[in-house]
Amino acid sequence: MKLRAETCLCIATLLLIGAASPADALSPGLPKNKDCNEEVFQNALNELRSKDYEQGRRLLTKLVGRKCSLAPAAMLLIADAYYREGGSRNLAEAEQEYARWLELFPEQDLAPLVMKKTVEVHLRELNGRDGSNHLESAYRALLKLQESYPLFSADAGVQEYEMVTEELRAEHNLKVARYYLEVRESPTAAKMRCQEILRKTIRFSKTDSALWYLAQADEILAQTEDREDNLNEAIAAYRRIVSEYAAGEHRDRAIERMRFLGEDPPEPNPRIIAWGQERAAKARSILADIDGYVLGISRRGILLNEEDEAEAGVLNEILKEANGSSSTASQSEPN
């Protein structure tokens, strides 16, 4: 049902773009073409269907500069072809082509789907040489998507991608915090990383670990700098571990530290504990094998499906609109 809805959205949006004279934005300096060259478009689709992505893109590029309603679809197909082919270089090209389309048609209904596709580009690249940068790029793209289209936050795929990016970013910061605390012996730096986790990732599956390292850093700062506020912050972190993460690995040690500091441990909060356990289980299930997760990211493009075919309904409407625009152009231009 979701796929069918997105297909209908593609049809409606491409027709709307064609009606808005997309070629004026694509190539305002070129003379108007009477012929959108449907044959070139069909040949390009045949090349894509046979996995000759390079030739398909070469043919589609001929249409991008022409003043006809095939140009926006050709742009998306070029981006899809790079995305479908995969590999770091092609995915980088796909991101650029999707970004170019968004620059030309930022207000169109299809824009959130294209923005979501850029997130998927980066998620597919997480295991590349520049994995951390791709993680940040995916995170920023998600934020932009949700800021621009708040209702799209309810999309199941967007929610999953949000959880994955938050979890992986928090996991990275947790490792850095532990390194600063145990290796570099820099409690201030460790505390800053833990605070970032707690501030930005309230649903992190290892929040109790972030609280533990935060409390440890505060205890060290309280001893070395004789600051009572650090000691109070450490106690507050221990209290949260005991109250909200009673099933976690740090509970018993947190109780020991509280008693050592003269504080009584609080009673566990069953509601918060259950919520945290449910979320942590879901995160572990999805991220148990990050390679497997990344490989599971959809290879479907905006217009091209997994078999490298454009949806029949979408294709028919694109060609119908292109032919209509060509006829209108021929009739309106003087001889």
C-alpha atoms as a PDB file:
ATOM      1  CA  MET A   1       0.000   0.000   0.000  1.00  0.00           C
ATOM      2  CA  LYS A   2       2.819   2.407   0.892  1.00  0.00           C
ATOM      3  CA  LEU A   3       4.627   1.665  -2.401  1.00  0.00           C
ATOM      4  CA  ARG A   4       1.434   2.222  -4.383  1.00  0.00           C
ATOM      5  CA  ALA A   5       0.877   5.547  -2.638  1.00  0.00           C
ATOM      6  CA  GLU A   6       4.407   6.682  -3.456  1.00  0.00           C
ATOM      7  CA  THR A   7       3.907   5.669  -7.096  1.00  0.00           C
ATOM      8  CA  CYS A   8       0.751   7.776  -7.309  1.00  0.00           C
ATOM      9  CA  LEU A   9       2.670  10.646  -5.760  1.00  0.00           C
ATOM     10  CA  CYS A  10       5.349  10.301  -8.438  1.00  0.00           C
ATOM     11  CA  ILE A  11       2.737  10.520 -11.184  1.00  0.00           C
ATOM     12  CA  ALA A  12       0.998  13.547  -9.749  1.00  0.00           C
ATOM     13  CA  THR A  13       4.231  15.365  -9.029  1.00  0.00           C
ATOM     14  CA  LEU A  14       5.831  14.788 -12.407  1.00  0.00           C
ATOM     15  CA  LEU A  15       2.699  16.032 -14.130  1.00  0.00           C
ATOM     16  CA  LEU A  16       2.705  19.101 -11.914  1.00  0.00           C
ATOM     17  CA  ILE A  17       6.349  19.775 -12.674  1.00  0.00           C
ATOM     18  CA  GLY A  18       5.738  19.384 -16.406  1.00  0.00           C
ATOM     19  CA  ALA A  19       2.864  21.842 -16.259  1.00  0.00           C
ATOM     20  CA  ALA A  20       5.098  24.366 -14.502  1.00  0.00           C
ATOM     21  CA  SER A  21       7.491  24.530 -17.482  1.00  0.00           C
ATOM     22  CA  PRO A  22      10.480  22.805 -15.829  1.00  0.00           C
ATOM     23  CA  ALA A  23      12.790  23.383 -18.764  1.00  0.00           C
ATOM     24  CA  ASP A  24      12.721  27.135 -18.163  1.00  0.00           C
ATOM     25  CA  ALA A  25      14.576  26.384 -14.928  1.00  0.00           C
ATOM     26  CA  LEU A  26      16.743  23.689 -16.468  1.00  0.00           C
ATOM     27  CA  SER A  27      17.924  25.559 -19.558  1.00  0.00           C
ATOM     28  CA  PRO A  28      16.472  29.057 -19.857  1.00  0.00           C
ATOM     29  CA  GLY A  29      18.890  30.055 -22.629  1.00  0.00           C
ATOM     30  CA  LEU A  30      18.036  27.284 -25.100  1.00  0.00           C
ATOM     31  CA  PRO A  31      15.454  27.599 -27.886  1.00  0.00           C
ATOM     32  CA  LYS A  32      12.246  25.703 -27.322  1.00  0.00           C
ATOM     33  CA  ASN A  33      12.251  22.132 -28.622  1.00  0.00           C
ATOM     34  CA  LYS A  34       9.202  20.926 -30.477  1.00  0.00           C
ATOM     35  CA  ASP A  35      10.081  17.305 -29.851  1.00  0.00           C
ATOM     36  CA  CYS A  36      10.773  15.790 -26.463  1.00  0.00           C
ATOM     37  CA  ASN A  37      12.269  12.804 -28.280  1.00  0.00           C
ATOM     38  CA  GLU A  38      10.352   9.979 -26.702  1.00  0.00           C
ATOM     39  CA  GLU A  39      12.511   7.486 -28.621  1.00  0.00           C
ATOM     40  CA  VAL A  40      15.644   8.627 -26.783  1.00  0.00           C
ATOM     41  CA  PHE A  41      13.769   8.303 -23.499  1.00  0.00           C
ATOM     42  CA  GLN A  42      12.595   4.789 -24.318  1.00  0.00           C
ATOM     43  CA  ASN A  43      16.067   3.757 -25.453  1.00  0.00           C
ATOM     44  CA  ALA A  44      17.501   5.054 -22.189  1.00  0.00           C
ATOM     45  CA  LEU A  45      14.991   3.007 -20.215  1.00  0.00           C
ATOM     46  CA  ASN A  46      15.945  -0.077 -22.225  1.00  0.00           C
ATOM     47  CA  GLU A  47      19.621   0.493 -21.422  1.00  0.00           C
ATOM     48  CA  LEU A  48      18.861   0.865 -17.724  1.00  0.00           C
ATOM     49  CA  ARG A  49      16.734  -2.268 -17.793  1.00  0.00           C
ATOM     50  CA  SER A  50      19.674  -4.183 -19.272  1.00  0.00           C
ATOM     51  CA  LYS A  51      21.983  -2.812 -16.516  1.00  0.00           C
ATOM     52  CA  ASP A  52      23.924  -0.557 -18.884  1.00  0.00           C
ATOM     53  CA  TYR A  53      23.620   2.360 -16.499  1.00  0.00           C
ATOM     54  CA  GLU A  54      26.320   4.441 -18.147  1.00  0.00           C
ATOM     55  CA  GLN A  55      24.695   4.378 -21.581  1.00  0.00           C
ATOM     56  CA  GLY A  56      21.274   4.965 -20.080  1.00  0.00           C
ATOM     57  CA  ARG A  57      22.543   8.036 -18.270  1.00  0.00           C
ATOM     58  CA  ARG A  58      24.259   9.276 -21.417  1.00  0.00           C
ATOM     59  CA  LEU A  59      20.977   9.153 -23.330  1.00  0.00           C
ATOM     60  CA  LEU A  60      18.999  10.757 -20.523  1.00  0.00           C
ATOM     61  CA  THR A  61      21.504  13.613 -20.310  1.00  0.00           C
ATOM     62  CA  LYS A  62      20.491  14.602 -23.843  1.00  0.00           C
ATOM     63  CA  LEU A  63      16.963  15.270 -22.567  1.00  0.00           C
ATOM     64  CA  VAL A  64      17.884  17.264 -19.482  1.00  0.00           C
ATOM     65  CA  GLY A  65      18.767  20.384 -21.478  1.00  0.00           C
ATOM     66  CA  ARG A  66      15.613  20.281 -23.598  1.00  0.00           C
ATOM     67  CA  LYS A  67      12.463  22.274 -22.984  1.00  0.00           C
ATOM     68  CA  CYS A  68      10.057  19.391 -22.536  1.00  0.00           C
ATOM     69  CA  SER A  69       8.324  17.627 -19.676  1.00  0.00           C
ATOM     70  CA  LEU A  70      10.675  14.633 -19.928  1.00  0.00           C
ATOM     71  CA  ALA A  71      13.570  16.614 -18.425  1.00  0.00           C
ATOM     72  CA  PRO A  72      12.592  16.349 -14.722  1.00  0.00           C
ATOM     73  CA  ALA A  73      11.961  12.610 -15.054  1.00  0.00           C
ATOM     74  CA  ALA A  74      15.259  12.213 -16.896  1.00  0.00           C
ATOM     75  CA  MET A  75      17.057  13.936 -14.033  1.00  0.00           C
ATOM     76  CA  LEU A  76      15.553  11.588 -11.473  1.00  0.00           C
ATOM     77  CA  LEU A  77      16.324   8.561 -13.621  1.00  0.00           C
ATOM     78  CA  ILE A  78      19.961   9.645 -13.899  1.00  0.00           C
ATOM     79  CA  ALA A  79      20.146   9.905 -10.103  1.00  0.00           C
ATOM     80  CA  ASP A  80      18.342   6.576  -9.717  1.00  0.00           C
ATOM     81  CA  ALA A  81      20.757   4.892 -12.127  1.00  0.00           C
ATOM     82  CA  TYR A  82      23.725   5.962 -10.020  1.00  0.00           C
ATOM     83  CA  TYR A  83      21.924   4.867  -6.870  1.00  0.00           C
ATOM     84  CA  ARG A  84      20.967   1.510  -8.364  1.00  0.00           C
ATOM     85  CA  GLU A  85      24.503   0.844  -9.631  1.00  0.00           C
ATOM     86  CA  GLY A  86      25.966   1.456  -6.177  1.00  0.00           C
ATOM     87  CA  GLY A  87      29.551   1.751  -5.015  1.00  0.00           C
ATOM     88  CA  SER A  88      31.064   4.792  -3.298  1.00  0.00           C
ATOM     89  CA  ARG A  89      31.677   6.777  -6.476  1.00  0.00           C
ATOM     90  CA  ASN A  90      28.236   6.153  -7.930  1.00  0.00           C
ATOM     91  CA  LEU A  91      26.479   6.861  -4.638  1.00  0.00           C
ATOM     92  CA  ALA A  92      28.318  10.181  -4.429  1.00  0.00           C
ATOM     93  CA  GLU A  93      27.084  10.979  -7.931  1.00  0.00           C
ATOM     94  CA  ALA A  94      23.560   9.954  -6.957  1.00  0.00           C
ATOM     95  CA  GLU A  95      23.631  12.334  -4.005  1.00  0.00           C
ATOM     96  CA  GLN A  96      24.710  15.204  -6.254  1.00  0.00           C
ATOM     97  CA  GLU A  97      22.000  14.467  -8.818  1.00  0.00           C
ATOM     98  CA  TYR A  98      19.263  14.232  -6.192  1.00  0.00           C
ATOM     99  CA  ALA A  99      20.533  17.497  -4.672  1.00  0.00           C
ATOM    100  CA  ARG A 100      20.419  19.155  -8.090  1.00  0.00           C
ATOM    101  CA  TRP A 101      16.821  18.047  -8.575  1.00  0.00           C
ATOM    102  CA  LEU A 102      15.907  19.437  -5.147  1.00  0.00           C
ATOM    103  CA  GLU A 103      17.494  22.773  -6.024  1.00  0.00           C
ATOM    104  CA  LEU A 104      15.304  23.054  -9.118  1.00  0.00           C
ATOM    105  CA  PHE A 105      12.074  21.700  -7.634  1.00  0.00           C
ATOM    106  CA  PRO A 106      12.219  22.288  -3.845  1.00  0.00           C
ATOM    107  CA  GLU A 107       8.480  22.885  -3.465  1.00  0.00           C
ATOM    108  CA  GLN A 108       7.257  19.800  -5.294  1.00  0.00           C
ATOM    109  CA  ASP A 109       5.442  16.992  -3.463  1.00  0.00           C
ATOM    110  CA  LEU A 110       8.117  14.515  -4.455  1.00  0.00           C
ATOM    111  CA  ALA A 111      10.833  16.490  -2.620  1.00  0.00           C
ATOM    112  CA  PRO A 112      10.581  14.628   0.731  1.00  0.00           C
ATOM    113  CA  LEU A 113      11.014  11.285  -1.018  1.00  0.00           C
ATOM    114  CA  VAL A 114      14.121  12.605  -2.773  1.00  0.00           C
ATOM    115  CA  MET A 115      15.457  13.922   0.544  1.00  0.00           C
ATOM    116  CA  LYS A 116      14.824  10.542   2.136  1.00  0.00           C
ATOM    117  CA  LYS A 117      16.767   8.926  -0.699  1.00  0.00           C
ATOM    118  CA  THR A 118      19.798  11.084   0.121  1.00  0.00           C
ATOM    119  CA  VAL A 119      19.658   9.705   3.661  1.00  0.00           C
ATOM    120  CA  GLU A 120      19.700   6.195   2.231  1.00  0.00           C
ATOM    121  CA  VAL A 121      22.714   7.104   0.091  1.00  0.00           C
ATOM    122  CA  HIS A 122      24.726   7.878   3.234  1.00  0.00           C
ATOM    123  CA  LEU A 123      23.421   4.880   5.164  1.00  0.00           C
ATOM    124  CA  ARG A 124      24.615   2.602   2.371  1.00  0.00           C
ATOM    125  CA  GLU A 125      28.049   4.210   2.727  1.00  0.00           C
ATOM    126  CA  LEU A 126      28.412   3.714   6.493  1.00  0.00           C
ATOM    127  CA  ASN A 127      30.947   0.943   6.067  1.00  0.00           C
ATOM    128  CA  GLY A 128      33.084   2.917   3.642  1.00  0.00           C
ATOM    129  CA  ARG A 129      36.387   4.578   4.382  1.00  0.00           C
ATOM    130  CA  ASP A 130      34.606   7.728   5.487  1.00  0.00           C
ATOM    131  CA  GLY A 131      31.893   6.080   7.527  1.00  0.00           C
ATOM    132  CA  SER A 132      31.724   8.627  10.345  1.00  0.00           C
ATOM    133  CA  ASN A 133      31.232  11.508   7.910  1.00  0.00           C
ATOM    134  CA  HIS A 134      28.450   9.621   6.148  1.00  0.00           C
ATOM    135  CA  LEU A 135      26.787   9.053   9.517  1.00  0.00           C
ATOM    136  CA  GLU A 136      26.829  12.773  10.239  1.00  0.00           C
ATOM    137  CA  SER A 137      25.566  13.539   6.730  1.00  0.00           C
ATOM    138  CA  ALA A 138      22.690  11.076   7.120  1.00  0.00           C
ATOM    139  CA  TYR A 139      21.827  12.601  10.492  1.00  0.00           C
ATOM    140  CA  ARG A 140      21.823  16.155   9.115  1.00  0.00           C
ATOM    141  CA  ALA A 141      19.764  15.119   6.083  1.00  0.00           C
ATOM    142  CA  LEU A 142      17.181  13.553   8.404  1.00  0.00           C
ATOM    143  CA  LEU A 143      16.985  16.699  10.499  1.00  0.00           C
ATOM    144  CA  LYS A 144      16.476  18.794   7.375  1.00  0.00           C
ATOM    145  CA  LEU A 145      13.786  16.422   6.091  1.00  0.00           C
ATOM    146  CA  GLN A 146      11.884  16.540   9.368  1.00  0.00           C
ATOM    147  CA  GLU A 147      12.234  20.303   9.706  1.00  0.00           C
ATOM    148  CA  SER A 148      11.025  20.880   6.149  1.00  0.00           C
ATOM    149  CA  TYR A 149       8.251  18.264   6.252  1.00  0.00           C
ATOM    150  CA  PRO A 150       7.186  17.646   9.888  1.00  0.00           C
ATOM    151  CA  LEU A 151       4.405  15.267   8.882  1.00  0.00           C
ATOM    152  CA  PHE A 152       6.979  13.050   7.180  1.00  0.00           C
ATOM    153  CA  SER A 153       8.423  12.240  10.624  1.00  0.00           C
ATOM    154  CA  ALA A 154       5.659   9.653  10.945  1.00  0.00           C
ATOM    155  CA  ASP A 155       7.075   7.688   8.000  1.00  0.00           C
ATOM    156  CA  ALA A 156       8.237   4.277   9.254  1.00  0.00           C
ATOM    157  CA  GLY A 157      11.468   4.421   7.273  1.00  0.00           C
ATOM    158  CA  VAL A 158      12.310   7.889   8.569  1.00  0.00           C
ATOM    159  CA  GLN A 159      11.695   6.772  12.146  1.00  0.00           C
ATOM    160  CA  GLU A 160      13.984   3.780  11.714  1.00  0.00           C
ATOM    161  CA  TYR A 161      16.722   5.851  10.082  1.00  0.00           C
ATOM    162  CA  GLU A 162      16.453   8.380  12.904  1.00  0.00           C
ATOM    163  CA  MET A 163      16.905   5.670  15.513  1.00  0.00           C
ATOM    164  CA  VAL A 164      19.878   4.163  13.674  1.00  0.00           C
ATOM    165  CA  THR A 165      21.708   7.453  13.209  1.00  0.00           C
ATOM    166  CA  GLU A 166      21.057   8.539  16.807  1.00  0.00           C
ATOM    167  CA  GLU A 167      22.195   5.193  18.152  1.00  0.00           C
ATOM    168  CA  LEU A 168      25.395   5.071  16.130  1.00  0.00           C
ATOM    169  CA  ARG A 169      26.312   8.686  16.885  1.00  0.00           C
ATOM    170  CA  ALA A 170      25.754   8.145  20.599  1.00  0.00           C
ATOM    171  CA  GLU A 171      27.747   4.909  20.510  1.00  0.00           C
ATOM    172  CA  HIS A 172      30.654   6.768  18.936  1.00  0.00           C
ATOM    173  CA  ASN A 173      30.533   9.500  21.585  1.00  0.00           C
ATOM    174  CA  LEU A 174      30.365   6.892  24.338  1.00  0.00           C
ATOM    175  CA  LYS A 175      33.555   5.250  23.090  1.00  0.00           C
ATOM    176  CA  VAL A 176      35.274   8.622  22.933  1.00  0.00           C
ATOM    177  CA  ALA A 177      34.112   9.475  26.469  1.00  0.00           C
ATOM    178  CA  ARG A 178      35.505   6.226  27.824  1.00  0.00           C
ATOM    179  CA  TYR A 179      38.783   6.826  26.005  1.00  0.00           C
ATOM    180  CA  TYR A 180      39.107  10.314  27.491  1.00  0.00           C
ATOM    181  CA  LEU A 181      38.288   9.019  30.961  1.00  0.00           C
ATOM    182  CA  GLU A 182      40.376   5.845  31.081  1.00  0.00           C
ATOM    183  CA  VAL A 183      43.240   6.511  28.666  1.00  0.00           C
ATOM    184  CA  ARG A 184      43.698  10.257  28.374  1.00  0.00           C
ATOM    185  CA  GLU A 185      42.665  10.854  32.006  1.00  0.00           C
ATOM    186  CA  SER A 186      40.664  13.901  30.961  1.00  0.00           C
ATOM    187  CA  PRO A 187      37.420  13.859  32.984  1.00  0.00           C
ATOM    188  CA  THR A 188      36.319  17.242  31.626  1.00  0.00           C
ATOM    189  CA  ALA A 189      36.419  16.006  28.020  1.00  0.00           C
ATOM    190  CA  ALA A 190      34.704  12.758  29.019  1.00  0.00           C
ATOM    191  CA  LYS A 191      31.958  14.681  30.794  1.00  0.00           C
ATOM    192  CA  MET A 192      31.325  16.875  27.748  1.00  0.00           C
ATOM    193  CA  ARG A 193      30.851  13.824  25.529  1.00  0.00           C
ATOM    194  CA  CYS A 194      28.463  12.201  27.990  1.00  0.00           C
ATOM    195  CA  GLN A 195      26.464  15.390  28.324  1.00  0.00           C
ATOM    196  CA  GLU A 196      26.150  15.564  24.547  1.00  0.00           C
ATOM    197  CA  ILE A 197      24.739  12.035  24.494  1.00  0.00           C
ATOM    198  CA  LEU A 198      22.238  12.759  27.256  1.00  0.00           C
ATOM    199  CA  ARG A 199      21.196  16.051  25.662  1.00  0.00           C
ATOM    200  CA  LYS A 200      20.803  14.884  22.058  1.00  0.00           C
ATOM    201  CA  THR A 201      19.948  11.173  22.320  1.00  0.00           C
ATOM    202  CA  ILE A 202      17.382  10.619  25.031  1.00  0.00           C
ATOM    203  CA  ARG A 203      16.478   7.233  23.520  1.00  0.00           C
ATOM    204  CA  PHE A 204      20.013   5.805  23.451  1.00  0.00           C
ATOM    205  CA  SER A 205      20.003   2.119  24.364  1.00  0.00           C
ATOM    206  CA  LYS A 206      23.116   2.595  26.536  1.00  0.00           C
ATOM    207  CA  THR A 207      22.093   5.721  28.388  1.00  0.00           C
ATOM    208  CA  ASP A 208      23.033   4.052  31.680  1.00  0.00           C
ATOM    209  CA  SER A 209      26.620   3.740  30.457  1.00  0.00           C
ATOM    210  CA  ALA A 210      26.665   7.436  29.539  1.00  0.00           C
ATOM    211  CA  LEU A 211      25.365   8.239  33.026  1.00  0.00           C
ATOM    212  CA  TRP A 212      27.992   5.998  34.609  1.00  0.00           C
ATOM    213  CA  TYR A 213      30.928   7.638  32.830  1.00  0.00           C
ATOM    214  CA  LEU A 214      29.439  11.058  33.536  1.00  0.00           C
ATOM    215  CA  ALA A 215      29.230  10.242  37.255  1.00  0.00           C
ATOM    216  CA  GLN A 216      32.763   8.869  37.265  1.00  0.00           C
ATOM    217  CA  ALA A 217      34.066  12.017  35.579  1.00  0.00           C
ATOM    218  CA  ASP A 218      32.209  14.225  38.059  1.00  0.00           C
ATOM    219  CA  GLU A 219      33.600  12.304  41.024  1.00  0.00           C
ATOM    220  CA  ILE A 220      37.143  12.780  39.734  1.00  0.00           C
ATOM    221  CA  LEU A 221      36.522  16.496  39.167  1.00  0.00           C
ATOM    222  CA  ALA A 222      35.040  16.811  42.650  1.00  0.00           C
ATOM    223  CA  GLN A 223      38.189  15.269  44.134  1.00  0.00           C
ATOM    224  CA  THR A 224      40.742  17.152  42.038  1.00  0.00           C
ATOM    225  CA  GLU A 225      39.022  20.531  41.995  1.00  0.00           C
ATOM    226  CA  ASP A 226      37.142  20.287  45.305  1.00  0.00           C
ATOM    227  CA  ARG A 227      33.863  21.303  43.692  1.00  0.00           C
ATOM    228  CA  GLU A 228      30.665  20.297  45.455  1.00  0.00           C
ATOM    229  CA  ASP A 229      28.512  20.827  42.366  1.00  0.00           C
ATOM    230  CA  ASN A 230      30.388  18.021  40.574  1.00  0.00           C
ATOM    231  CA  LEU A 231      29.707  15.690  43.472  1.00  0.00           C
ATOM    232  CA  ASN A 232      26.005  16.544  43.393  1.00  0.00           C
ATOM    233  CA  GLU A 233      25.916  15.892  39.650  1.00  0.00           C
ATOM    234  CA  ALA A 234      27.590  12.520  40.144  1.00  0.00           C
ATOM    235  CA  ILE A 235      24.996  11.556  42.751  1.00  0.00           C
ATOM    236  CA  ALA A 236      22.181  12.655  40.409  1.00  0.00           C
ATOM    237  CA  ALA A 237      23.593  10.456  37.637  1.00  0.00           C
ATOM    238  CA  TYR A 238      23.894   7.456  39.987  1.00  0.00           C
ATOM    239  CA  ARG A 239      20.322   8.049  41.118  1.00  0.00           C
ATOM    240  CA  ARG A 240      19.058   7.888  37.531  1.00  0.00           C
ATOM    241  CA  ILE A 241      20.942   4.649  36.907  1.00  0.00           C
ATOM    242  CA  VAL A 242      19.320   2.987  39.934  1.00  0.00           C
ATOM    243  CA  SER A 243      15.865   4.422  39.278  1.00  0.00           C
ATOM    244  CA  GLU A 244      15.617   4.114  35.491  1.00  0.00           C
ATOM    245  CA  TYR A 245      18.078   1.354  34.547  1.00  0.00           C
ATOM    246  CA  ALA A 246      17.747  -1.193  37.336  1.00  0.00           C
ATOM    247  CA  ALA A 247      18.275  -4.057  34.890  1.00  0.00           C
ATOM    248  CA  GLY A 248      21.469  -2.554  33.489  1.00  0.00           C
ATOM    249  CA  GLU A 249      25.064  -3.511  34.145  1.00  0.00           C
ATOM    250  CA  HIS A 250      25.857  -0.400  36.207  1.00  0.00           C
ATOM    251  CA  ARG A 251      23.069  -0.631  38.820  1.00  0.00           C
ATOM    252  CA  ASP A 252      24.953  -2.435  41.585  1.00  0.00           C
ATOM    253  CA  ARG A 253      28.036  -0.259  41.265  1.00  0.00           C
ATOM    254  CA  ALA A 254      25.869   2.862  41.234  1.00  0.00           C
ATOM    255  CA  ILE A 255      24.225   1.745  44.501  1.00  0.00           C
ATOM    256  CA  GLU A 256      27.681   1.156  46.026  1.00  0.00           C
ATOM    257  CA  ARG A 257      28.854   4.619  45.036  1.00  0.00           C
ATOM    258  CA  MET A 258      25.710   6.272  46.399  1.00  0.00           C
ATOM    259  CA  ARG A 259      26.073   4.517  49.750  1.00  0.00           C
ATOM    260  CA  PHE A 260      29.764   5.388  49.836  1.00  0.00           C
ATOM    261  CA  LEU A 261      28.797   9.025  49.313  1.00  0.00           C
ATOM    262  CA  GLY A 262      26.180   8.818  52.075  1.00  0.00           C
ATOM    263  CA  GLU A 263      23.120   8.709  49.855  1.00  0.00           C
ATOM    264  CA  ASP A 264      20.194   6.290  49.944  1.00  0.00           C
ATOM    265  CA  PRO A 265      19.453   4.601  46.573  1.00  0.00           C
ATOM    266  CA  PRO A 266      16.002   5.405  45.123  1.00  0.00           C
ATOM    267  CA  GLU A 267      13.324   2.869  44.268  1.00  0.00           C
ATOM    268  CA  PRO A 268      13.247   1.660  40.648  1.00  0.00           C
ATOM    269  CA  ASN A 269      10.678   3.248  38.324  1.00  0.00           C
ATOM    270  CA  PRO A 270       9.001   0.305  36.529  1.00  0.00           C
ATOM    271  CA  ARG A 271       7.424   2.425  33.794  1.00  0.00           C
ATOM    272  CA  ILE A 272      10.656   4.108  32.740  1.00  0.00           C
ATOM    273  CA  ILE A 273      12.579   0.842  33.054  1.00  0.00           C
ATOM    274  CA  ALA A 274      10.126  -0.986  30.777  1.00  0.00           C
ATOM    275  CA  TRP A 275      10.276   1.801  28.180  1.00  0.00           C
ATOM    276  CA  GLY A 276      14.062   1.761  28.164  1.00  0.00           C
ATOM    277  CA  GLN A 277      14.262  -2.008  27.870  1.00  0.00           C
ATOM    278  CA  GLU A 278      11.843  -2.055  24.938  1.00  0.00           C
ATOM    279  CA  ARG A 279      13.750   0.614  23.072  1.00  0.00           C
ATOM    280  CA  ALA A 280      17.135  -1.000  23.795  1.00  0.00           C
ATOM    281  CA  ALA A 281      15.903  -4.376  22.566  1.00  0.00           C
ATOM    282  CA  LYS A 282      14.695  -2.822  19.336  1.00  0.00           C
ATOM    283  CA  ALA A 283      17.998  -1.037  18.795  1.00  0.00           C
ATOM    284  CA  ARG A 284      20.006  -4.203  19.452  1.00  0.00           C
ATOM    285  CA  SER A 285      17.811  -6.150  17.060  1.00  0.00           C
ATOM    286  CA  ILE A 286      18.317  -3.697  14.207  1.00  0.00           C
ATOM    287  CA  LEU A 287      21.989  -2.996  14.850  1.00  0.00           C
ATOM    288  CA  ALA A 288      23.112  -6.480  15.885  1.00  0.00           C
ATOM    289  CA  ASP A 289      24.890  -6.709  12.537  1.00  0.00           C
ATOM    290  CA  ILE A 290      25.444  -3.282  11.038  1.00  0.00           C
ATOM    291  CA  ASP A 291      26.696  -4.803   7.785  1.00  0.00           C
ATOM    292  CA  GLY A 292      23.459  -6.707   7.447  1.00  0.00           C
ATOM    293  CA  TYR A 293      21.442  -3.610   8.237  1.00  0.00           C
ATOM    294  CA  VAL A 294      23.214  -1.468   5.665  1.00  0.00           C
ATOM    295  CA  LEU A 295      22.795  -4.167   3.049  1.00  0.00           C
ATOM    296  CA  GLY A 296      19.100  -4.119   3.853  1.00  0.00           C
ATOM    297  CA  ILE A 297      18.678  -0.452   2.891  1.00  0.00           C
ATOM    298  CA  SER A 298      16.334  -0.218  -0.071  1.00  0.00           C
ATOM    299  CA  ARG A 299      18.036  -0.277  -3.486  1.00  0.00           C
ATOM    300  CA  ARG A 300      14.885   1.091  -5.052  1.00  0.00           C
ATOM    301  CA  GLY A 301      15.185   4.496  -6.660  1.00  0.00           C
ATOM    302  CA  ILE A 302      12.552   7.199  -6.927  1.00  0.00           C
ATOM    303  CA  LEU A 303      11.355   6.060 -10.364  1.00  0.00           C
ATOM    304  CA  LEU A 304      13.385   2.863 -10.908  1.00  0.00           C
ATOM    305  CA  ASN A 305      12.373  -0.252  -9.030  1.00  0.00           C
ATOM    306  CA  GLU A 306      14.559  -3.195  -8.015  1.00  0.00           C
ATOM    307  CA  GLU A 307      14.397  -4.601 -11.565  1.00  0.00           C
ATOM    308  CA  ASP A 308      15.540  -1.269 -13.031  1.00  0.00           C
ATOM    309  CA  GLU A 309      12.140  -0.667 -14.589  1.00  0.00           C
ATOM    310  CA  ALA A 310      10.086   2.478 -14.241  1.00  0.00           C
ATOM    311  CA  GLU A 311       6.630   1.816 -12.856  1.00  0.00           C
ATOM    312  CA  ALA A 312       4.289   1.341 -15.801  1.00  0.00           C
ATOM    313  CA  GLY A 313       1.691   3.830 -14.579  1.00  0.00           C
ATOM    314  CA  VAL A 314       4.311   6.492 -13.931  1.00  0.00           C
ATOM    315  CA  LEU A 315       5.979   5.919 -17.299  1.00  0.00           C
ATOM    316  CA  ASN A 316       2.723   6.119 -19.237  1.00  0.00           C
ATOM    317  CA  GLU A 317       1.767   9.381 -17.577  1.00  0.00           C
ATOM    318  CA  ILE A 318       5.229  10.862 -18.194  1.00  0.00           C
ATOM    319  CA  LEU A 319       5.104  10.028 -21.892  1.00  0.00           C
ATOM    320  CA  LYS A 320       1.504  11.170 -22.211  1.00  0.00           C
ATOM    321  CA  GLU A 321       2.379  14.536 -20.688  1.00  0.00           C
ATOM    322  CA  ALA A 322       5.488  14.856 -22.855  1.00  0.00           C
ATOM    323  CA  ASN A 323       3.517  14.200 -26.029  1.00  0.00           C
ATOM    324  CA  GLY A 324       0.852  16.677 -24.970  1.00  0.00           C
ATOM    325  CA  SER A 325       3.444  19.354 -24.257  1.00  0.00           C
ATOM    326  CA  SER A 326       5.144  18.761 -27.604  1.00  0.00           C
ATOM    327  CA  SER A 327       1.873  19.071 -29.496  1.00  0.00           C
ATOM    328  CA  THR A 328       1.018  22.257 -27.669  1.00  0.00           C
ATOM    329  CA  ALA A 329       4.446  23.711 -28.373  1.00  0.00           C
ATOM    330  CA  SER A 330       4.176  22.848 -32.082  1.00  0.00           C
ATOM    331  CA  GLN A 331       0.787  24.527 -32.377  1.00  0.00           C
ATOM    332  CA  SER A 332       1.787  27.663 -30.489  1.00  0.00           C
ATOM    333  CA  GLU A 333       5.062  28.414 -32.263  1.00  0.00           C
ATOM    334  CA  PRO A 334       4.980  30.469 -35.478  1.00  0.00           C
ATOM    335  CA  ASN A 335       6.272  28.891 -38.677  1.00  0.00           C
END
